[in-house]
């Protein structure tokens, strides 16, 4: 359930501005916003990430300031424990928020170049040492010359210099802390001014018009959950058990003050958006903005899947994929992105990595002749045996497997949910409550874990090959489908296909095959023998296509 539904029952009582005296004390009274998690930040050539144990680390060379050591990723410096979020301007200013909402400034010894960090007393011998600034913080958004701070009681503060954070203060103060609004749950700094979403899901903006001088916060749109400089996530309502979101492109005309909006269906199901131009969907799709168009003509394109967190840097972006694995994406001269796996054990994964293929254990005994319709020479015999032994599939009766029968949507969601639960070592009890359909716990689990972001009308119809690929791909962390060694192409599955990423990932990993002559047949129903093959190959790499078997 999103924050706004919780906030509807809470009264906003934020009162007055607080004086800045060192670190500001936590305010009383209140919205009770959570501390938002943001465990990666990518600057110009400096980078930050939070490990699974809560330790914030840094590597690379800040454009301004720094301590002169400029360590590599392998020699990354440990900055502070108990971290929940990190943000950087890409211009030498970095902020971290701990799990209790404490806000810290990093690289604070260079006031000349980092006005967003003014009024902080730095350690003269160690400018990278975090310095406490404020308590009771939910999130931060940092620009080149100002910062927006959303406090847990809903107060929105700006800190900065000149006309950037609060344009109407340009003539009265060159550097400041100023409370702008109350009742705010989300904010993003723009080049000059910013955007804020209130608990009523109203989008407000300031510093957007041509003059900027007197442009205080003004209401721009309704029904908004999160927003950045060119994309909105809007409330799409509820459909069955799933809360829907809609992606919208938008543009503000600084001369006329008018807003133009255009649906961006590629971003439907978006879970979060950042000012860096990164959007992550509920199922883990990472989208970057392609600015080749003008106005509302640009589009967002998917660049990676299985992503939990991301921050887009000026040249190199950082990504934490499902399972807590950190990757970098570096833009090449031809516009492509070079992917590099940096390491595991980051925020979102468990210390010690309890997830993994080793979690698949034999739980059932498979006897010779277990199923009368599965012969030793059948191509799927080993797959059926493995799927049965691992507890992923059963027969359709004690003595038959029905390899040429189809599986239903409910059955496909069920087996994919089992794979994810075992892979992650969660031990979920899939027991239907009184009055529930037998598959309801599996559907609820799939929705809660981002495997499904839509409600299907019919769970009894045959599942398609593309659907099972979609749910199985979402069930496995990115590491479980590595390495992708197969050189596979299908004439009937192009990049325009909804499930292109999932199908190709499973095919290249040898988990799913085609039907010959370059055909995948994505809309064909899945046979039980095919499902057994996919599940067993996912769990046991020795059975995968191209593994020498």
Protein backbone atom coordinates (compact mmCIF):
# COMPACT_ATOMS: atom_id res chain seq x y z
CA UNK A 1 0.00 0.00 0.00
CA UNK A 2 1.41 3.35 -0.96
CA UNK A 3 2.24 6.06 1.54
CA UNK A 4 -0.61 8.31 0.45
CA UNK A 5 -3.22 5.75 1.56
CA UNK A 6 -1.63 5.65 4.99
CA UNK A 7 -1.35 9.43 5.12
CA UNK A 8 -5.05 9.93 4.47
CA UNK A 9 -5.69 9.01 8.09
CA UNK A 10 -2.93 11.25 9.51
CA UNK A 11 -3.27 14.98 10.27
CA UNK A 12 -0.45 17.25 9.12
CA UNK A 13 0.58 19.46 12.04
CA UNK A 14 3.92 20.83 10.80
CA UNK A 15 4.30 24.18 12.57
CA UNK A 16 6.69 27.02 11.73
CA UNK A 17 10.27 27.14 10.59
CA UNK A 18 13.15 25.83 12.71
CA UNK A 19 16.31 27.81 13.33
CA UNK A 20 19.49 26.25 12.04
CA UNK A 21 21.88 25.61 14.90
CA UNK A 22 24.27 22.83 13.99
CA UNK A 23 22.22 19.68 13.50
CA UNK A 24 18.48 20.43 13.61
CA UNK A 25 16.50 18.50 16.17
CA UNK A 26 13.78 16.12 15.06
CA UNK A 27 10.43 17.95 14.81
CA UNK A 28 7.35 17.05 16.72
CA UNK A 29 4.19 16.40 15.21
CA UNK A 30 3.50 14.99 12.14
CA UNK A 31 3.04 12.92 9.21
CA UNK A 32 5.39 9.96 10.12
CA UNK A 33 6.90 9.39 6.69
CA UNK A 34 9.33 6.48 6.35
CA UNK A 35 12.99 6.92 5.48
CA UNK A 36 13.12 6.26 1.74
CA UNK A 37 15.71 3.76 0.59
CA UNK A 38 18.16 4.83 -2.13
CA UNK A 39 21.30 2.70 -1.85
CA UNK A 40 23.26 3.93 -4.91
CA UNK A 41 24.39 7.33 -6.20
CA UNK A 42 26.41 8.03 -9.36
CA UNK A 43 28.21 11.36 -9.80
CA UNK A 44 30.48 12.62 -12.55
CA UNK A 45 33.30 10.21 -11.70
CA UNK A 46 32.56 9.45 -8.04
CA UNK A 47 30.27 6.67 -6.90
CA UNK A 48 28.50 5.55 -3.74
CA UNK A 49 26.68 2.37 -2.69
CA UNK A 50 25.27 0.85 0.48
CA UNK A 51 26.20 -2.73 1.31
CA UNK A 52 23.69 -5.19 2.70
CA UNK A 53 25.15 -4.65 6.18
CA UNK A 54 24.27 -0.93 5.96
CA UNK A 55 27.80 0.36 5.35
CA UNK A 56 28.03 3.24 2.86
CA UNK A 57 31.10 2.98 0.64
CA UNK A 58 32.61 5.43 -1.89
CA UNK A 59 35.06 5.16 -4.76
CA UNK A 60 36.23 7.22 -7.72
CA UNK A 61 37.18 10.89 -7.96
CA UNK A 62 34.76 13.71 -7.05
CA UNK A 63 34.78 16.50 -9.63
CA UNK A 64 35.36 19.02 -6.82
CA UNK A 65 36.82 18.47 -3.38
CA UNK A 66 37.44 14.96 -2.15
CA UNK A 67 40.34 13.72 -0.07
CA UNK A 68 42.74 13.13 -2.96
CA UNK A 69 42.80 9.35 -2.51
CA UNK A 70 40.31 8.47 -5.28
CA UNK A 71 40.11 4.73 -4.55
CA UNK A 72 39.02 2.07 -7.01
CA UNK A 73 35.88 0.03 -6.38
CA UNK A 74 38.00 -2.81 -5.00
CA UNK A 75 39.56 -0.38 -2.49
CA UNK A 76 36.36 1.59 -1.79
CA UNK A 77 36.35 3.66 1.37
CA UNK A 78 33.84 2.91 4.15
CA UNK A 79 32.10 6.20 5.02
CA UNK A 80 29.36 5.43 7.56
CA UNK A 81 27.35 2.49 8.94
CA UNK A 82 23.56 2.17 9.29
CA UNK A 83 22.94 3.97 5.98
CA UNK A 84 19.61 3.82 4.14
CA UNK A 85 20.06 6.34 1.31
CA UNK A 86 22.75 8.28 -0.55
CA UNK A 87 22.40 11.15 -3.03
CA UNK A 88 24.95 13.11 -5.04
CA UNK A 89 24.79 16.20 -7.25
CA UNK A 90 27.58 15.06 -9.55
CA UNK A 91 29.25 18.36 -8.69
CA UNK A 92 31.00 17.48 -5.46
CA UNK A 93 28.08 17.50 -3.01
CA UNK A 94 26.87 14.24 -1.49
CA UNK A 95 24.30 13.46 1.20
CA UNK A 96 23.52 10.30 3.15
CA UNK A 97 20.52 9.45 5.33
CA UNK A 98 20.76 6.82 8.05
CA UNK A 99 18.01 4.37 8.93
CA UNK A 100 16.73 6.62 11.72
CA UNK A 101 16.43 9.65 9.41
CA UNK A 102 19.68 11.41 10.28
CA UNK A 103 20.98 13.56 7.38
CA UNK A 104 24.74 13.83 6.77
CA UNK A 105 26.80 15.94 4.36
CA UNK A 106 29.83 14.38 2.64
CA UNK A 107 32.69 16.16 0.84
CA UNK A 108 31.97 19.25 2.91
CA UNK A 109 35.34 21.01 2.73
CA UNK A 110 34.77 22.78 -0.60
CA UNK A 111 32.18 25.51 0.00
CA UNK A 112 33.32 27.43 -3.06
CA UNK A 113 32.13 24.66 -5.36
CA UNK A 114 29.38 23.09 -3.27
CA UNK A 115 26.95 25.79 -2.12
CA UNK A 116 24.40 23.07 -1.36
CA UNK A 117 26.64 22.16 1.58
CA UNK A 118 27.18 25.63 3.01
CA UNK A 119 26.93 26.22 6.77
CA UNK A 120 28.36 22.80 7.54
CA UNK A 121 31.48 22.60 9.67
CA UNK A 122 33.75 20.11 7.94
CA UNK A 123 36.68 18.17 9.31
CA UNK A 124 39.57 20.14 7.75
CA UNK A 125 41.68 16.98 7.61
CA UNK A 126 38.99 14.79 6.07
CA UNK A 127 36.40 16.46 3.82
CA UNK A 128 34.86 13.05 3.00
CA UNK A 129 33.95 12.43 6.63
CA UNK A 130 30.13 12.55 7.04
CA UNK A 131 28.93 15.58 9.03
CA UNK A 132 25.54 15.50 10.79
CA UNK A 133 23.15 18.15 9.49
CA UNK A 134 19.61 17.34 10.54
CA UNK A 135 17.36 14.70 12.12
CA UNK A 136 13.97 13.45 11.04
CA UNK A 137 14.61 13.22 7.28
CA UNK A 138 12.63 11.06 4.85
CA UNK A 139 14.37 11.81 1.54
CA UNK A 140 16.66 14.25 -0.27
CA UNK A 141 16.97 15.50 -3.84
CA UNK A 142 20.15 17.34 -4.76
CA UNK A 143 20.89 19.67 -7.66
CA UNK A 144 23.98 21.58 -8.67
CA UNK A 145 23.30 24.57 -6.42
CA UNK A 146 20.50 23.58 -4.06
CA UNK A 147 18.99 20.67 -2.20
CA UNK A 148 15.43 19.71 -1.27
CA UNK A 149 14.91 17.90 2.01
CA UNK A 150 11.63 16.16 2.87
CA UNK A 151 11.34 15.63 6.59
CA UNK A 152 9.43 12.77 8.13
CA UNK A 153 6.76 15.16 9.42
CA UNK A 154 6.05 16.36 5.86
CA UNK A 155 8.02 19.61 5.96
CA UNK A 156 9.86 20.46 2.75
CA UNK A 157 13.08 22.46 3.20
CA UNK A 158 15.45 23.86 0.62
CA UNK A 159 19.10 24.54 1.26
CA UNK A 160 21.23 26.34 -1.27
CA UNK A 161 22.48 29.52 -2.83
CA UNK A 162 21.12 32.47 -4.78
CA UNK A 163 18.04 31.98 -6.92
CA UNK A 164 18.26 28.22 -7.26
CA UNK A 165 16.40 26.57 -4.39
CA UNK A 166 13.90 29.33 -3.62
CA UNK A 167 13.94 31.96 -6.43
CA UNK A 168 12.00 34.52 -4.41
CA UNK A 169 14.90 34.72 -1.89
CA UNK A 170 17.47 35.86 -4.45
CA UNK A 171 17.50 39.47 -3.24
CA UNK A 172 17.42 38.71 0.49
CA UNK A 173 19.99 35.99 1.06
CA UNK A 174 22.71 34.24 -0.92
CA UNK A 175 22.74 31.04 1.11
CA UNK A 176 19.94 29.73 3.26
CA UNK A 177 17.85 27.02 4.82
CA UNK A 178 14.20 27.72 4.13
CA UNK A 179 11.01 25.77 4.71
CA UNK A 180 8.91 25.90 1.55
CA UNK A 181 5.85 23.72 2.20
CA UNK A 182 4.15 21.34 4.60
CA UNK A 183 2.37 18.03 3.98
CA UNK A 184 4.91 16.85 1.36
CA UNK A 185 5.71 13.17 0.71
CA UNK A 186 8.01 13.44 -2.33
CA UNK A 187 10.27 16.07 -3.90
CA UNK A 188 12.71 16.51 -6.77
CA UNK A 189 15.15 19.36 -7.32
CA UNK A 190 15.08 20.82 -10.83
CA UNK A 191 17.73 23.05 -12.36
CA UNK A 192 16.20 26.04 -10.61
CA UNK A 193 13.40 25.35 -8.16
CA UNK A 194 11.75 22.02 -7.76
CA UNK A 195 8.73 19.72 -7.66
CA UNK A 196 6.81 18.39 -4.69
CA UNK A 197 3.99 15.88 -4.25
CA UNK A 198 1.68 16.38 -1.29
CA UNK A 199 -0.11 13.77 0.80
CA UNK A 200 -3.21 14.53 -1.30
CA UNK A 201 -1.21 13.57 -4.40
CA UNK A 202 -1.10 17.10 -5.77
CA UNK A 203 1.97 18.02 -7.81
CA UNK A 204 3.40 21.46 -6.99
CA UNK A 205 6.29 23.28 -8.65
CA UNK A 206 8.29 26.49 -8.34
CA UNK A 207 11.09 28.29 -10.14
CA UNK A 208 9.71 27.02 -13.43
CA UNK A 209 8.61 30.16 -15.24
CA UNK A 210 10.74 32.46 -17.36
CA UNK A 211 11.33 35.11 -14.66
CA UNK A 212 11.70 32.76 -11.70
CA UNK A 213 11.84 35.71 -9.30
CA UNK A 214 8.41 35.50 -7.70
CA UNK A 215 7.43 32.01 -8.70
CA UNK A 216 6.56 30.44 -5.37
CA UNK A 217 5.04 26.93 -5.20
CA UNK A 218 2.00 26.53 -7.41
CA UNK A 219 -0.23 23.54 -8.06
CA UNK A 220 0.47 21.83 -11.39
CA UNK A 221 -1.47 18.55 -11.47
CA UNK A 222 -3.58 16.10 -9.48
CA UNK A 223 -3.42 12.36 -8.93
CA UNK A 224 0.41 12.23 -8.93
CA UNK A 225 2.44 9.71 -6.92
CA UNK A 226 6.00 10.71 -7.92
CA UNK A 227 7.50 13.00 -10.52
CA UNK A 228 10.74 14.13 -12.13
CA UNK A 229 11.60 16.77 -14.70
CA UNK A 230 9.83 14.99 -17.57
CA UNK A 231 7.86 12.00 -16.28
CA UNK A 232 4.98 11.52 -13.86
CA UNK A 233 3.83 8.38 -12.11
CA UNK A 234 0.09 8.76 -11.70
CA UNK A 235 -2.45 6.76 -9.75
CA UNK A 236 -4.14 4.27 -12.03
CA UNK A 237 -6.52 3.00 -9.34
CA UNK A 238 -6.99 -0.52 -8.12
CA UNK A 239 -7.74 -3.49 -10.31
CA UNK A 240 -8.58 -6.49 -8.22
CA UNK A 241 -5.71 -6.91 -5.77
CA UNK A 242 -3.18 -4.76 -7.63
CA UNK A 243 -2.64 -1.03 -7.25
CA UNK A 244 -2.03 0.23 -10.78
CA UNK A 245 0.23 3.09 -11.84
CA UNK A 246 0.34 5.01 -15.10
CA UNK A 247 3.37 6.59 -16.78
CA UNK A 248 3.01 10.09 -18.26
CA UNK A 249 5.44 12.37 -20.09
CA UNK A 250 4.98 16.03 -19.29
CA UNK A 251 6.37 19.44 -20.23
CA UNK A 252 5.97 22.89 -18.62
CA UNK A 253 5.92 25.93 -20.92
CA UNK A 254 7.84 28.59 -18.99
CA UNK A 255 6.36 31.38 -21.11
CA UNK A 256 2.68 30.49 -20.96
CA UNK A 257 2.70 28.54 -17.70
CA UNK A 258 0.78 25.71 -19.39
CA UNK A 259 1.43 22.01 -18.90
CA UNK A 260 1.29 19.43 -21.68
CA UNK A 261 0.93 15.74 -20.85
CA UNK A 262 1.18 12.59 -22.90
CA UNK A 263 0.65 8.98 -21.84
CA UNK A 264 3.83 6.89 -21.70
CA UNK A 265 2.47 3.32 -21.66
CA UNK A 266 5.98 1.86 -21.58
CA UNK A 267 6.16 3.16 -17.99
CA UNK A 268 2.85 1.73 -16.79
CA UNK A 269 3.50 -0.21 -13.61
CA UNK A 270 6.30 2.18 -12.60
CA UNK A 271 7.36 1.83 -8.98
CA UNK A 272 9.77 4.76 -8.61
CA UNK A 273 11.33 7.61 -10.58
CA UNK A 274 14.50 9.59 -9.98
CA UNK A 275 15.61 13.05 -11.08
CA UNK A 276 18.55 11.39 -12.81
CA UNK A 277 16.25 10.06 -15.52
CA UNK A 278 15.89 6.50 -14.26
CA UNK A 279 12.50 4.79 -13.88
CA UNK A 280 12.06 1.35 -12.32
CA UNK A 281 8.88 -0.65 -12.85
CA UNK A 282 7.32 -2.92 -10.28
CA UNK A 283 8.71 -6.01 -12.03
CA UNK A 284 12.28 -4.65 -12.03
CA UNK A 285 12.52 -3.13 -15.52
CA UNK A 286 15.00 -0.21 -15.66
CA UNK A 287 14.17 2.55 -18.16
CA UNK A 288 16.34 5.48 -19.28
CA UNK A 289 15.07 8.48 -21.17
CA UNK A 290 16.00 8.68 -24.83
CA UNK A 291 16.13 12.39 -25.59
CA UNK A 292 16.43 11.97 -29.35
CA UNK A 293 12.95 13.45 -29.72
CA UNK A 294 11.88 16.96 -28.79
CA UNK A 295 9.19 18.12 -26.41
CA UNK A 296 6.97 15.16 -25.64
CA UNK A 297 8.38 13.05 -28.48
CA UNK A 298 11.20 11.41 -26.53
CA UNK A 299 10.62 7.98 -25.06
CA UNK A 300 11.87 5.85 -22.21
CA UNK A 301 13.63 2.64 -23.25
CA UNK A 302 14.32 -0.42 -21.12
CA UNK A 303 18.04 -0.92 -20.57
CA UNK A 304 18.10 -3.71 -17.94
CA UNK A 305 15.80 -6.05 -16.06
CA UNK A 306 15.69 -7.49 -12.53
CA UNK A 307 16.59 -4.08 -11.08
CA UNK A 308 15.78 -3.01 -7.54
CA UNK A 309 17.60 0.36 -7.36
CA UNK A 310 19.44 2.61 -9.82
CA UNK A 311 20.95 6.06 -10.22
CA UNK A 312 21.89 7.50 -13.60
CA UNK A 313 25.24 9.27 -13.62
CA UNK A 314 26.60 11.64 -16.22
CA UNK A 315 28.60 8.88 -17.91
CA UNK A 316 28.31 5.79 -15.72
CA UNK A 317 25.19 4.64 -13.89
CA UNK A 318 24.93 2.29 -10.92
CA UNK A 319 22.36 -0.48 -10.58
CA UNK A 320 21.55 -2.97 -7.83
CA UNK A 321 19.81 -5.97 -9.32
CA UNK A 322 17.62 -8.43 -7.47
CA UNK A 323 19.74 -10.38 -5.04
CA UNK A 324 21.90 -7.41 -4.03
CA UNK A 325 24.30 -7.53 -7.01
CA UNK A 326 25.88 -4.20 -8.01
CA UNK A 327 26.39 -3.39 -11.70
CA UNK A 328 27.64 -0.37 -13.63
CA UNK A 329 26.28 0.82 -16.99
CA UNK A 330 28.69 3.03 -18.92
CA UNK A 331 27.59 4.91 -22.02
CA UNK A 332 29.72 4.23 -25.11
CA UNK A 333 30.39 6.51 -28.07
CA UNK A 334 27.78 4.74 -30.17
CA UNK A 335 25.13 5.28 -27.49
CA UNK A 336 25.14 1.69 -26.24
CA UNK A 337 25.67 0.79 -22.59
CA UNK A 338 28.55 -1.35 -21.39
CA UNK A 339 27.45 -3.58 -18.50
CA UNK A 340 29.91 -4.58 -15.78
CA UNK A 341 29.21 -6.67 -12.72
CA UNK A 342 30.97 -5.08 -9.73
CA UNK A 343 30.06 -7.39 -6.86
CA UNK A 344 27.39 -8.96 -4.65
CA UNK A 345 26.30 -8.28 -1.08
CA UNK A 346 24.64 -4.88 -1.52
CA UNK A 347 21.45 -3.39 -0.14
CA UNK A 348 18.48 -5.55 -1.00
CA UNK A 349 20.42 -8.79 -0.63
CA UNK A 350 21.03 -10.64 2.60
CA UNK A 351 24.51 -10.74 4.17
CA UNK A 352 25.87 -14.13 3.26
CA UNK A 353 23.60 -14.33 0.20
CA UNK A 354 21.02 -16.84 1.37
CA UNK A 355 19.55 -16.83 -2.16
CA UNK A 356 20.99 -19.16 -4.76
CA UNK A 357 20.57 -22.30 -6.84
CA UNK A 358 22.00 -24.39 -4.01
CA UNK A 359 18.65 -23.91 -2.25
CA UNK A 360 17.04 -26.38 -4.64
CA UNK A 361 17.12 -29.71 -2.78
CA UNK A 362 15.58 -33.13 -3.38
CA UNK A 363 12.34 -33.31 -1.43
CA UNK A 364 10.57 -36.19 -3.24
CA UNK A 365 11.76 -39.63 -4.25
CA UNK A 366 11.29 -40.42 -7.94
CA UNK A 367 11.00 -44.14 -8.62
CA UNK A 368 11.64 -45.84 -11.95
CA UNK A 369 8.31 -45.93 -13.79
CA UNK A 370 6.88 -43.27 -11.46
CA UNK A 371 4.58 -42.09 -14.27
CA UNK A 372 3.29 -44.52 -16.86
CA UNK A 373 3.28 -41.84 -19.59
CA UNK A 374 6.92 -40.79 -19.06
CA UNK A 375 9.28 -43.28 -20.72
CA UNK A 376 13.01 -43.45 -20.19
CA UNK A 377 13.71 -42.44 -23.80
CA UNK A 378 11.42 -39.39 -23.84
CA UNK A 379 13.26 -36.07 -24.35
CA UNK A 380 11.61 -34.68 -21.22
CA UNK A 381 12.16 -37.70 -18.93
CA UNK A 382 15.09 -36.21 -16.98
CA UNK A 383 13.26 -32.89 -16.70
CA UNK A 384 10.11 -34.48 -15.27
CA UNK A 385 12.22 -36.46 -12.78
CA UNK A 386 14.07 -33.31 -11.65
CA UNK A 387 10.96 -31.13 -11.40
CA UNK A 388 9.24 -33.83 -9.32
CA UNK A 389 12.21 -34.45 -7.01
CA UNK A 390 12.66 -30.74 -6.35
CA UNK A 391 9.00 -30.29 -5.46
CA UNK A 392 8.28 -27.98 -8.37
CA UNK A 393 5.69 -30.13 -10.18
CA UNK A 394 3.54 -33.15 -9.43
CA UNK A 395 1.70 -35.58 -11.65
CA UNK A 396 -1.89 -35.01 -12.66
CA UNK A 397 -2.56 -38.30 -10.84
CA UNK A 398 -0.42 -40.62 -8.71
CA UNK A 399 0.55 -42.63 -11.79
CA UNK A 400 0.42 -40.20 -14.73
CA UNK A 401 2.12 -36.91 -15.57
CA UNK A 402 0.18 -35.92 -18.74
CA UNK A 403 3.23 -34.47 -20.56
CA UNK A 404 1.23 -33.35 -23.60
CA UNK A 405 -1.49 -31.58 -21.63
CA UNK A 406 -1.35 -27.83 -21.13
CA UNK A 407 -0.91 -25.98 -17.86
CA UNK A 408 -3.28 -23.27 -16.76
CA UNK A 409 -2.41 -19.69 -15.85
CA UNK A 410 -2.97 -20.56 -12.19
CA UNK A 411 -0.56 -23.50 -12.47
CA UNK A 412 2.05 -21.40 -14.28
CA UNK A 413 1.96 -18.69 -11.60
CA UNK A 414 2.15 -21.41 -8.95
CA UNK A 415 5.28 -23.10 -10.26
CA UNK A 416 7.02 -19.77 -10.89
CA UNK A 417 6.21 -18.69 -7.32
CA UNK A 418 7.64 -21.96 -6.00
CA UNK A 419 10.87 -21.35 -7.93
CA UNK A 420 11.25 -17.85 -6.51
CA UNK A 421 10.44 -18.94 -2.96
CA UNK A 422 13.03 -21.72 -3.03
CA UNK A 423 15.67 -19.63 -4.79
CA UNK A 424 15.39 -16.90 -2.16
CA UNK A 425 15.23 -19.37 0.72
CA UNK A 426 12.04 -17.80 2.08
CA UNK A 427 10.10 -20.91 3.12
CA UNK A 428 6.72 -19.34 2.41
CA UNK A 429 3.70 -21.36 3.49
CA UNK A 430 1.37 -21.35 0.49
CA UNK A 431 -1.82 -22.32 2.30
CA UNK A 432 -5.15 -21.02 1.07
CA UNK A 433 -7.47 -19.53 3.66
CA UNK A 434 -11.03 -20.72 4.10
CA UNK A 435 -13.06 -19.62 1.12
CA UNK A 436 -10.00 -18.83 -1.05
CA UNK A 437 -9.19 -20.49 -4.34
CA UNK A 438 -6.29 -22.94 -4.05
CA UNK A 439 -3.96 -20.76 -6.11
CA UNK A 440 -4.71 -17.47 -4.33
CA UNK A 441 -1.62 -17.57 -2.02
CA UNK A 442 0.63 -18.04 -5.05
CA UNK A 443 -0.97 -15.13 -6.91
CA UNK A 444 -0.69 -12.91 -3.82
CA UNK A 445 2.99 -13.88 -3.48
CA UNK A 446 3.67 -13.15 -7.16
CA UNK A 447 2.08 -9.71 -6.90
CA UNK A 448 3.83 -8.83 -3.64
CA UNK A 449 7.22 -9.74 -5.13
CA UNK A 450 6.87 -7.94 -8.45
CA UNK A 451 6.36 -11.03 -10.58
CA UNK A 452 2.93 -9.82 -11.70
CA UNK A 453 1.76 -6.25 -12.10
CA UNK A 454 -1.67 -6.90 -13.54
CA UNK A 455 -4.80 -8.83 -12.64
CA UNK A 456 -5.75 -11.52 -15.11
CA UNK A 457 -9.38 -12.18 -15.86
CA UNK A 458 -9.10 -15.93 -16.32
CA UNK A 459 -6.74 -18.15 -14.33
CA UNK A 460 -8.21 -21.35 -15.75
CA UNK A 461 -7.25 -20.83 -19.39
CA UNK A 462 -4.02 -22.34 -20.77
CA UNK A 463 -0.91 -20.27 -20.05
CA UNK A 464 1.19 -19.19 -23.04
CA UNK A 465 4.89 -19.80 -23.47
CA UNK A 466 5.52 -16.06 -23.20
CA UNK A 467 3.59 -15.83 -19.92
CA UNK A 468 5.49 -18.64 -18.25
CA UNK A 469 8.75 -17.10 -19.46
CA UNK A 470 7.68 -13.74 -18.00
CA UNK A 471 6.87 -15.11 -14.56
CA UNK A 472 9.81 -17.49 -14.35
CA UNK A 473 12.22 -14.79 -15.44
CA UNK A 474 10.83 -12.46 -12.76
CA UNK A 475 11.18 -15.25 -10.21
CA UNK A 476 14.93 -15.62 -10.70
CA UNK A 477 17.53 -13.05 -9.73
CA UNK A 478 19.77 -11.90 -12.56
CA UNK A 479 22.57 -14.15 -11.31
CA UNK A 480 20.42 -17.27 -11.73
CA UNK A 481 20.28 -16.77 -15.51
CA UNK A 482 24.01 -16.16 -15.89
CA UNK A 483 26.03 -16.72 -17.89
CA UNK A 484 23.97 -16.16 -21.01
CA UNK A 485 26.06 -18.25 -23.38
CA UNK A 486 23.58 -19.18 -26.09
CA UNK A 487 23.58 -17.18 -29.33
CA UNK A 488 19.82 -17.25 -29.85
CA UNK A 489 17.49 -15.24 -32.06
CA UNK A 490 13.82 -15.71 -32.81
CA UNK A 491 12.07 -14.27 -35.84
CA UNK A 492 8.75 -14.04 -33.94
CA UNK A 493 10.11 -12.34 -30.80
CA UNK A 494 11.46 -8.86 -31.53
CA UNK A 495 12.42 -6.07 -29.13
CA UNK A 496 8.90 -4.73 -29.50
CA UNK A 497 7.46 -7.82 -27.82
CA UNK A 498 6.35 -7.28 -24.24
CA UNK A 499 8.30 -10.29 -22.98
CA UNK A 500 11.37 -9.90 -25.17
CA UNK A 501 13.76 -9.39 -22.24
CA UNK A 502 12.48 -12.39 -20.28
CA UNK A 503 12.28 -14.75 -23.24
CA UNK A 504 15.74 -13.90 -24.54
CA UNK A 505 17.34 -14.07 -21.10
CA UNK A 506 15.94 -17.55 -20.48
CA UNK A 507 16.78 -18.70 -24.00
CA UNK A 508 20.37 -17.44 -23.88
CA UNK A 509 20.83 -19.08 -20.48
CA UNK A 510 19.65 -22.41 -21.94
CA UNK A 511 16.52 -22.54 -19.77
CA UNK A 512 14.02 -22.28 -22.61
CA UNK A 513 14.32 -23.33 -26.22
CA UNK A 514 12.53 -22.56 -29.45
CA UNK A 515 10.64 -24.81 -31.85
CA UNK A 516 13.18 -24.83 -34.66
CA UNK A 517 13.72 -22.64 -37.73
CA UNK A 518 14.10 -19.56 -35.51
CA UNK A 519 10.57 -19.86 -34.14
CA UNK A 520 9.70 -19.40 -30.47
CA UNK A 521 5.88 -19.39 -30.80
CA UNK A 522 5.26 -17.10 -27.80
CA UNK A 523 1.46 -17.34 -27.85
CA UNK A 524 1.31 -21.12 -27.99
CA UNK A 525 0.04 -22.87 -24.85
CA UNK A 526 2.67 -24.40 -22.57
CA UNK A 527 2.73 -28.17 -22.36
CA UNK A 528 3.43 -29.83 -19.02
CA UNK A 529 6.55 -31.43 -20.48
CA UNK A 530 7.79 -27.98 -21.56
CA UNK A 531 7.07 -26.54 -18.12
CA UNK A 532 9.01 -29.37 -16.47
CA UNK A 533 11.93 -28.68 -18.80
CA UNK A 534 11.97 -24.95 -18.01
CA UNK A 535 11.71 -25.45 -14.25
CA UNK A 536 14.35 -28.17 -14.03
CA UNK A 537 16.80 -26.25 -16.21
CA UNK A 538 16.27 -23.12 -14.11
CA UNK A 539 17.06 -25.02 -10.91
CA UNK A 540 19.83 -27.29 -12.24
CA UNK A 541 22.24 -25.68 -14.75
CA UNK A 542 23.57 -29.14 -15.73
CA UNK A 543 20.24 -29.74 -17.51
CA UNK A 544 20.33 -26.49 -19.48
CA UNK A 545 20.53 -26.43 -23.25
CA UNK A 546 24.12 -26.12 -24.38
CA UNK A 547 25.43 -27.53 -21.08
CA UNK A 548 26.83 -30.61 -22.79
CA UNK A 549 23.97 -32.90 -21.91
